[in-house]
Amino acid sequence: MVKLIITGHGRFSDGMLDGINFIMGIQKDIIKVEFNNIDLEIYSNKIEDIIKSSKEGTLIFTDIIGGTPFRISTILGMKYDNVYVVTGTNISMIIESIIKREVMPLKELVEQITNVGKNAVQVFDKKSIAEKSRNINNLN
């Protein structure tokens, strides 16, 4: 099974994993690696150990492009096959990867979760909320 790593600044990974566990229950092969200004070598080694233990590939979810978690993850990703780093992570992307990681090849999964993540970002204002509410009420 593809291993999932969630990492980011502060308690980002805690929050994401808490949300996932609330929505889906406890999941296996999802590991959080917090970056709280710990020694960079220790942090890097934690992620690399997880990558090395994965037989089917690793997806690393990071919070923001250019940050330390992203940079270290991409450096490690260049060392191994079947490692993908996804940045700008939202919970919809991780949930989709949990659902599809056993039935979809890793490269296709990455494409799928990227689209899901983009589609999960929506903006609502007074007009769009009223319109969407009408559409939902018409379904009943």
N, C-alpha and C. Protein backbone atom coordinates (compact mmCIF):
# COMPACT_ATOMS: atom_id res chain seq x y z
N MET A 1 0.84 -1.17 0.00
CA MET A 1 0.00 0.00 0.00
C MET A 1 0.89 1.25 0.00
N VAL A 2 0.48 2.26 -0.75
CA VAL A 2 1.19 3.53 -0.79
C VAL A 2 1.14 4.16 0.60
N LYS A 3 2.30 4.59 1.06
CA LYS A 3 2.35 5.29 2.35
C LYS A 3 2.11 6.77 2.13
N LEU A 4 1.43 7.37 3.07
CA LEU A 4 1.14 8.80 3.02
C LEU A 4 1.84 9.47 4.18
N ILE A 5 2.58 10.52 3.87
CA ILE A 5 3.24 11.34 4.89
C ILE A 5 2.59 12.71 4.85
N ILE A 6 2.20 13.20 6.00
CA ILE A 6 1.69 14.56 6.11
C ILE A 6 2.70 15.35 6.93
N THR A 7 3.20 16.45 6.33
CA THR A 7 4.17 17.26 7.04
C THR A 7 3.95 18.73 6.71
N GLY A 8 4.34 19.56 7.62
CA GLY A 8 4.21 21.00 7.41
C GLY A 8 4.65 21.74 8.66
N HIS A 9 4.49 23.02 8.61
CA HIS A 9 4.92 23.88 9.71
C HIS A 9 4.00 23.73 10.92
N GLY A 10 4.61 23.80 12.09
CA GLY A 10 3.84 23.77 13.33
C GLY A 10 3.03 22.49 13.46
N ARG A 11 1.75 22.66 13.75
CA ARG A 11 0.87 21.51 13.98
C ARG A 11 0.01 21.19 12.76
N PHE A 12 0.46 21.60 11.58
CA PHE A 12 -0.28 21.35 10.35
C PHE A 12 -0.64 19.88 10.20
N SER A 13 0.34 19.00 10.37
CA SER A 13 0.09 17.57 10.17
C SER A 13 -0.87 17.02 11.22
N ASP A 14 -0.78 17.52 12.45
CA ASP A 14 -1.72 17.11 13.50
C ASP A 14 -3.15 17.45 13.12
N GLY A 15 -3.35 18.69 12.67
CA GLY A 15 -4.69 19.14 12.31
C GLY A 15 -5.26 18.34 11.16
N MET A 16 -4.46 18.11 10.13
CA MET A 16 -4.93 17.32 8.99
C MET A 16 -5.29 15.90 9.42
N LEU A 17 -4.42 15.27 10.18
CA LEU A 17 -4.67 13.90 10.59
C LEU A 17 -5.87 13.81 11.53
N ASP A 18 -6.02 14.76 12.43
CA ASP A 18 -7.20 14.78 13.30
C ASP A 18 -8.48 14.87 12.49
N GLY A 19 -8.49 15.74 11.48
CA GLY A 19 -9.66 15.87 10.62
C GLY A 19 -9.96 14.59 9.86
N ILE A 20 -8.95 13.96 9.34
CA ILE A 20 -9.13 12.70 8.60
C ILE A 20 -9.67 11.62 9.53
N ASN A 21 -9.09 11.50 10.70
CA ASN A 21 -9.55 10.49 11.66
C ASN A 21 -10.99 10.75 12.08
N PHE A 22 -11.38 12.00 12.20
CA PHE A 22 -12.76 12.34 12.56
C PHE A 22 -13.72 11.93 11.45
N ILE A 23 -13.34 12.19 10.20
CA ILE A 23 -14.21 11.91 9.06
C ILE A 23 -14.21 10.43 8.69
N MET A 24 -13.04 9.79 8.69
CA MET A 24 -12.91 8.44 8.15
C MET A 24 -12.55 7.37 9.16
N GLY A 25 -12.26 7.76 10.37
CA GLY A 25 -11.74 6.80 11.33
C GLY A 25 -10.24 6.67 11.16
N ILE A 26 -9.62 5.94 12.07
CA ILE A 26 -8.17 5.76 12.04
C ILE A 26 -7.78 5.00 10.77
N GLN A 27 -6.77 5.51 10.08
CA GLN A 27 -6.30 4.91 8.83
C GLN A 27 -4.88 4.39 9.01
N LYS A 28 -4.54 3.34 8.25
CA LYS A 28 -3.19 2.81 8.34
C LYS A 28 -2.29 3.41 7.27
N ASP A 29 -1.01 3.38 7.54
CA ASP A 29 0.02 3.89 6.64
C ASP A 29 -0.14 5.36 6.30
N ILE A 30 -0.59 6.13 7.28
CA ILE A 30 -0.56 7.59 7.20
C ILE A 30 0.27 8.06 8.38
N ILE A 31 1.37 8.72 8.07
CA ILE A 31 2.30 9.12 9.11
C ILE A 31 2.45 10.63 9.10
N LYS A 32 2.35 11.22 10.26
CA LYS A 32 2.58 12.66 10.37
C LYS A 32 4.02 12.89 10.83
N VAL A 33 4.63 13.88 10.23
CA VAL A 33 5.97 14.29 10.62
C VAL A 33 5.92 15.80 10.80
N GLU A 34 5.90 16.22 12.04
CA GLU A 34 5.81 17.65 12.34
C GLU A 34 7.16 18.33 12.15
N PHE A 35 7.09 19.57 11.66
CA PHE A 35 8.29 20.39 11.59
C PHE A 35 8.11 21.55 12.57
N ASN A 36 8.71 21.39 13.73
CA ASN A 36 8.63 22.41 14.78
C ASN A 36 10.03 22.90 15.13
N ASN A 37 10.75 23.34 14.13
CA ASN A 37 12.11 23.84 14.33
C ASN A 37 13.03 22.80 14.97
N ILE A 38 12.79 21.52 14.64
CA ILE A 38 13.69 20.48 15.11
C ILE A 38 14.93 20.47 14.22
N ASP A 39 15.93 19.77 14.63
CA ASP A 39 17.14 19.63 13.85
C ASP A 39 16.78 19.10 12.46
N LEU A 40 17.28 19.75 11.42
CA LEU A 40 16.92 19.39 10.05
C LEU A 40 17.35 17.97 9.68
N GLU A 41 18.46 17.53 10.21
CA GLU A 41 18.92 16.17 9.91
C GLU A 41 17.97 15.14 10.53
N ILE A 42 17.54 15.38 11.74
CA ILE A 42 16.58 14.47 12.40
C ILE A 42 15.27 14.45 11.62
N TYR A 43 14.79 15.62 11.25
CA TYR A 43 13.55 15.74 10.49
C TYR A 43 13.65 15.00 9.15
N SER A 44 14.73 15.25 8.44
CA SER A 44 14.96 14.61 7.15
C SER A 44 15.06 13.08 7.29
N ASN A 45 15.75 12.63 8.32
CA ASN A 45 15.90 11.19 8.54
C ASN A 45 14.56 10.52 8.83
N LYS A 46 13.68 11.21 9.56
CA LYS A 46 12.35 10.65 9.85
C LYS A 46 11.59 10.39 8.55
N ILE A 47 11.61 11.38 7.67
CA ILE A 47 10.90 11.23 6.40
C ILE A 47 11.56 10.16 5.54
N GLU A 48 12.87 10.17 5.48
CA GLU A 48 13.58 9.20 4.65
C GLU A 48 13.37 7.77 5.15
N ASP A 49 13.32 7.56 6.43
CA ASP A 49 13.05 6.22 6.97
C ASP A 49 11.69 5.70 6.52
N ILE A 50 10.70 6.59 6.48
CA ILE A 50 9.36 6.18 6.02
C ILE A 50 9.40 5.83 4.54
N ILE A 51 10.08 6.66 3.75
CA ILE A 51 10.20 6.39 2.31
C ILE A 51 10.85 5.03 2.08
N LYS A 52 11.93 4.76 2.78
CA LYS A 52 12.66 3.50 2.62
C LYS A 52 11.81 2.29 2.99
N SER A 53 10.87 2.47 3.92
CA SER A 53 10.05 1.34 4.37
C SER A 53 8.85 1.07 3.46
N SER A 54 8.64 1.91 2.48
CA SER A 54 7.50 1.76 1.58
C SER A 54 7.88 0.96 0.35
N LYS A 55 7.12 -0.08 0.10
CA LYS A 55 7.39 -0.93 -1.06
C LYS A 55 6.64 -0.45 -2.30
N GLU A 56 5.52 0.23 -2.10
CA GLU A 56 4.66 0.60 -3.23
C GLU A 56 4.66 2.09 -3.53
N GLY A 57 5.49 2.84 -2.87
CA GLY A 57 5.57 4.26 -3.14
C GLY A 57 5.12 5.10 -1.96
N THR A 58 5.43 6.38 -2.05
CA THR A 58 5.12 7.31 -0.97
C THR A 58 4.59 8.61 -1.55
N LEU A 59 3.55 9.09 -0.94
CA LEU A 59 3.01 10.42 -1.24
C LEU A 59 3.30 11.30 -0.03
N ILE A 60 3.97 12.41 -0.25
CA ILE A 60 4.28 13.33 0.83
C ILE A 60 3.44 14.59 0.62
N PHE A 61 2.60 14.88 1.59
CA PHE A 61 1.75 16.07 1.55
C PHE A 61 2.38 17.16 2.40
N THR A 62 2.64 18.32 1.78
CA THR A 62 3.22 19.44 2.52
C THR A 62 2.27 20.64 2.48
N ASP A 63 2.53 21.59 3.37
CA ASP A 63 1.63 22.73 3.46
C ASP A 63 1.87 23.79 2.38
N ILE A 64 3.07 24.32 2.27
CA ILE A 64 3.31 25.40 1.30
C ILE A 64 4.57 25.18 0.48
N ILE A 65 4.49 25.59 -0.76
CA ILE A 65 5.64 25.48 -1.64
C ILE A 65 6.75 26.40 -1.15
N GLY A 66 7.96 25.89 -1.18
CA GLY A 66 9.12 26.69 -0.80
C GLY A 66 9.50 26.62 0.67
N GLY A 67 8.60 26.13 1.52
CA GLY A 67 8.91 26.01 2.93
C GLY A 67 9.87 24.86 3.20
N THR A 68 10.42 24.83 4.38
CA THR A 68 11.38 23.78 4.74
C THR A 68 10.81 22.37 4.57
N PRO A 69 9.59 22.07 5.04
CA PRO A 69 9.06 20.72 4.82
C PRO A 69 8.99 20.35 3.33
N PHE A 70 8.58 21.30 2.51
CA PHE A 70 8.52 21.08 1.07
C PHE A 70 9.92 20.84 0.50
N ARG A 71 10.86 21.71 0.85
CA ARG A 71 12.21 21.60 0.29
C ARG A 71 12.88 20.29 0.67
N ILE A 72 12.78 19.90 1.93
CA ILE A 72 13.40 18.63 2.35
C ILE A 72 12.71 17.46 1.68
N SER A 73 11.40 17.51 1.58
CA SER A 73 10.66 16.42 0.93
C SER A 73 11.04 16.27 -0.54
N THR A 74 11.20 17.39 -1.25
CA THR A 74 11.57 17.30 -2.66
C THR A 74 13.00 16.80 -2.84
N ILE A 75 13.89 17.21 -1.95
CA ILE A 75 15.26 16.69 -2.02
C ILE A 75 15.26 15.18 -1.84
N LEU A 76 14.50 14.70 -0.86
CA LEU A 76 14.41 13.25 -0.65
C LEU A 76 13.69 12.58 -1.81
N GLY A 77 12.67 13.22 -2.35
CA GLY A 77 11.93 12.66 -3.47
C GLY A 77 12.78 12.44 -4.70
N MET A 78 13.81 13.26 -4.87
CA MET A 78 14.71 13.09 -6.02
C MET A 78 15.62 11.88 -5.86
N LYS A 79 15.76 11.37 -4.65
CA LYS A 79 16.65 10.23 -4.40
C LYS A 79 15.98 8.89 -4.66
N TYR A 80 14.65 8.85 -4.70
CA TYR A 80 13.94 7.58 -4.76
C TYR A 80 12.89 7.58 -5.86
N ASP A 81 12.67 6.40 -6.43
CA ASP A 81 11.56 6.23 -7.37
C ASP A 81 10.26 6.14 -6.57
N ASN A 82 9.16 6.43 -7.23
CA ASN A 82 7.83 6.31 -6.62
C ASN A 82 7.62 7.17 -5.39
N VAL A 83 8.19 8.36 -5.39
CA VAL A 83 7.94 9.34 -4.33
C VAL A 83 7.42 10.60 -5.00
N TYR A 84 6.26 11.04 -4.56
CA TYR A 84 5.67 12.27 -5.07
C TYR A 84 5.44 13.22 -3.90
N VAL A 85 5.75 14.49 -4.13
CA VAL A 85 5.53 15.52 -3.13
C VAL A 85 4.40 16.41 -3.63
N VAL A 86 3.38 16.55 -2.80
CA VAL A 86 2.22 17.38 -3.13
C VAL A 86 2.22 18.55 -2.15
N THR A 87 2.09 19.75 -2.66
CA THR A 87 2.09 20.92 -1.80
C THR A 87 0.79 21.69 -1.96
N GLY A 88 0.50 22.55 -0.99
CA GLY A 88 -0.80 23.23 -1.00
C GLY A 88 -1.90 22.28 -0.59
N THR A 89 -1.57 21.36 0.26
CA THR A 89 -2.45 20.25 0.63
C THR A 89 -3.73 20.73 1.30
N ASN A 90 -4.84 20.09 0.90
CA ASN A 90 -6.08 20.24 1.65
C ASN A 90 -6.60 18.86 2.00
N ILE A 91 -7.51 18.80 2.93
CA ILE A 91 -7.97 17.52 3.46
C ILE A 91 -8.67 16.66 2.40
N SER A 92 -9.31 17.31 1.42
CA SER A 92 -9.97 16.57 0.34
C SER A 92 -8.97 15.72 -0.44
N MET A 93 -7.79 16.25 -0.64
CA MET A 93 -6.75 15.52 -1.37
C MET A 93 -6.32 14.26 -0.62
N ILE A 94 -6.16 14.40 0.66
CA ILE A 94 -5.71 13.26 1.46
C ILE A 94 -6.80 12.20 1.53
N ILE A 95 -8.04 12.62 1.72
CA ILE A 95 -9.15 11.67 1.76
C ILE A 95 -9.24 10.90 0.44
N GLU A 96 -9.13 11.61 -0.67
CA GLU A 96 -9.17 10.96 -1.99
C GLU A 96 -8.04 9.94 -2.12
N SER A 97 -6.85 10.29 -1.63
CA SER A 97 -5.72 9.37 -1.74
C SER A 97 -5.93 8.13 -0.89
N ILE A 98 -6.58 8.29 0.26
CA ILE A 98 -6.87 7.14 1.11
C ILE A 98 -7.84 6.19 0.40
N ILE A 99 -8.86 6.77 -0.21
CA ILE A 99 -9.89 5.96 -0.88
C ILE A 99 -9.33 5.24 -2.09
N LYS A 100 -8.46 5.89 -2.85
CA LYS A 100 -8.03 5.35 -4.15
C LYS A 100 -6.64 4.73 -4.17
N ARG A 101 -5.87 4.82 -3.11
CA ARG A 101 -4.47 4.39 -3.18
C ARG A 101 -4.29 2.90 -3.40
N GLU A 102 -5.29 2.09 -3.08
CA GLU A 102 -5.15 0.65 -3.29
C GLU A 102 -5.65 0.19 -4.66
N VAL A 103 -6.34 1.07 -5.38
CA VAL A 103 -6.93 0.66 -6.65
C VAL A 103 -6.42 1.45 -7.85
N MET A 104 -5.56 2.42 -7.62
CA MET A 104 -5.10 3.29 -8.69
C MET A 104 -3.58 3.36 -8.67
N PRO A 105 -2.95 3.26 -9.86
CA PRO A 105 -1.49 3.42 -9.90
C PRO A 105 -1.09 4.79 -9.33
N LEU A 106 0.07 4.84 -8.72
CA LEU A 106 0.51 6.02 -7.98
C LEU A 106 0.51 7.28 -8.85
N LYS A 107 1.02 7.20 -10.05
CA LYS A 107 1.08 8.38 -10.92
C LYS A 107 -0.33 8.90 -11.23
N GLU A 108 -1.25 8.00 -11.52
CA GLU A 108 -2.64 8.41 -11.77
C GLU A 108 -3.28 8.98 -10.51
N LEU A 109 -2.96 8.39 -9.38
CA LEU A 109 -3.48 8.88 -8.10
C LEU A 109 -3.05 10.32 -7.86
N VAL A 110 -1.80 10.64 -8.16
CA VAL A 110 -1.30 12.00 -7.97
C VAL A 110 -2.07 12.97 -8.86
N GLU A 111 -2.32 12.60 -10.10
CA GLU A 111 -3.11 13.44 -11.00
C GLU A 111 -4.52 13.63 -10.46
N GLN A 112 -5.11 12.55 -9.98
CA GLN A 112 -6.47 12.60 -9.45
C GLN A 112 -6.56 13.52 -8.22
N ILE A 113 -5.64 13.36 -7.29
CA ILE A 113 -5.74 14.16 -6.07
C ILE A 113 -5.43 15.63 -6.33
N THR A 114 -4.61 15.90 -7.33
CA THR A 114 -4.34 17.30 -7.69
C THR A 114 -5.63 17.96 -8.18
N ASN A 115 -6.37 17.25 -9.03
CA ASN A 115 -7.65 17.79 -9.51
C ASN A 115 -8.66 17.94 -8.37
N VAL A 116 -8.72 16.96 -7.50
CA VAL A 116 -9.64 17.03 -6.35
C VAL A 116 -9.29 18.24 -5.49
N GLY A 117 -8.00 18.44 -5.24
CA GLY A 117 -7.57 19.57 -4.42
C GLY A 117 -7.96 20.90 -5.02
N LYS A 118 -7.76 21.03 -6.32
CA LYS A 118 -8.13 22.28 -7.00
C LYS A 118 -9.64 22.50 -6.93
N ASN A 119 -10.41 21.45 -7.17
CA ASN A 119 -11.87 21.57 -7.16
C ASN A 119 -12.42 21.82 -5.76
N ALA A 120 -11.66 21.48 -4.73
CA ALA A 120 -12.13 21.69 -3.36
C ALA A 120 -12.04 23.15 -2.95
N VAL A 121 -11.28 23.93 -3.70
CA VAL A 121 -11.14 25.35 -3.37
C VAL A 121 -12.28 26.09 -4.06
N GLN A 122 -13.18 26.63 -3.29
CA GLN A 122 -14.36 27.33 -3.79
C GLN A 122 -14.53 28.64 -3.04
N VAL A 123 -15.16 29.59 -3.68
CA VAL A 123 -15.47 30.86 -3.04
C VAL A 123 -16.98 31.02 -3.05
N PHE A 124 -17.54 31.40 -1.92
CA PHE A 124 -18.97 31.61 -1.80
C PHE A 124 -19.25 33.03 -1.36
N ASP A 125 -20.24 33.62 -1.97
CA ASP A 125 -20.73 34.91 -1.53
C ASP A 125 -22.25 34.82 -1.38
N LYS A 126 -22.88 35.90 -1.04
CA LYS A 126 -24.31 35.89 -0.75
C LYS A 126 -25.12 35.31 -1.92
N LYS A 127 -24.83 35.74 -3.13
CA LYS A 127 -25.57 35.28 -4.30
C LYS A 127 -25.35 33.78 -4.56
N SER A 128 -24.09 33.34 -4.52
CA SER A 128 -23.81 31.93 -4.81
C SER A 128 -24.34 31.00 -3.72
N ILE A 129 -24.33 31.47 -2.48
CA ILE A 129 -24.87 30.66 -1.39
C ILE A 129 -26.37 30.49 -1.58
N ALA A 130 -27.07 31.56 -1.92
CA ALA A 130 -28.52 31.49 -2.14
C ALA A 130 -28.84 30.57 -3.31
N GLU A 131 -28.06 30.67 -4.38
CA GLU A 131 -28.29 29.84 -5.56
C GLU A 131 -28.05 28.37 -5.26
N LYS A 132 -26.97 28.08 -4.59
CA LYS A 132 -26.67 26.69 -4.25
C LYS A 132 -27.71 26.12 -3.28
N SER A 133 -28.20 26.95 -2.37
CA SER A 133 -29.25 26.51 -1.44
C SER A 133 -30.53 26.16 -2.19
N ARG A 134 -30.90 26.98 -3.18
CA ARG A 134 -32.09 26.68 -3.99
C ARG A 134 -31.93 25.37 -4.72
N ASN A 135 -30.74 25.15 -5.29
CA ASN A 135 -30.50 23.91 -6.03
C ASN A 135 -30.58 22.70 -5.11
N ILE A 136 -30.06 22.80 -3.92
CA ILE A 136 -30.11 21.70 -2.97
C ILE A 136 -31.56 21.46 -2.54
N ASN A 137 -32.29 22.52 -2.27
CA ASN A 137 -33.71 22.38 -1.85
C ASN A 137 -34.55 21.78 -2.97
N ASN A 138 -34.23 22.04 -4.22
CA ASN A 138 -34.99 21.47 -5.33
C ASN A 138 -34.76 19.98 -5.49
N LEU A 139 -33.69 19.47 -4.92
CA LEU A 139 -33.43 18.03 -4.97
C LEU A 139 -34.34 17.25 -4.03
N ASN A 140 -34.83 17.90 -3.00
CA ASN A 140 -35.66 17.21 -2.00
C ASN A 140 -37.09 17.08 -2.44
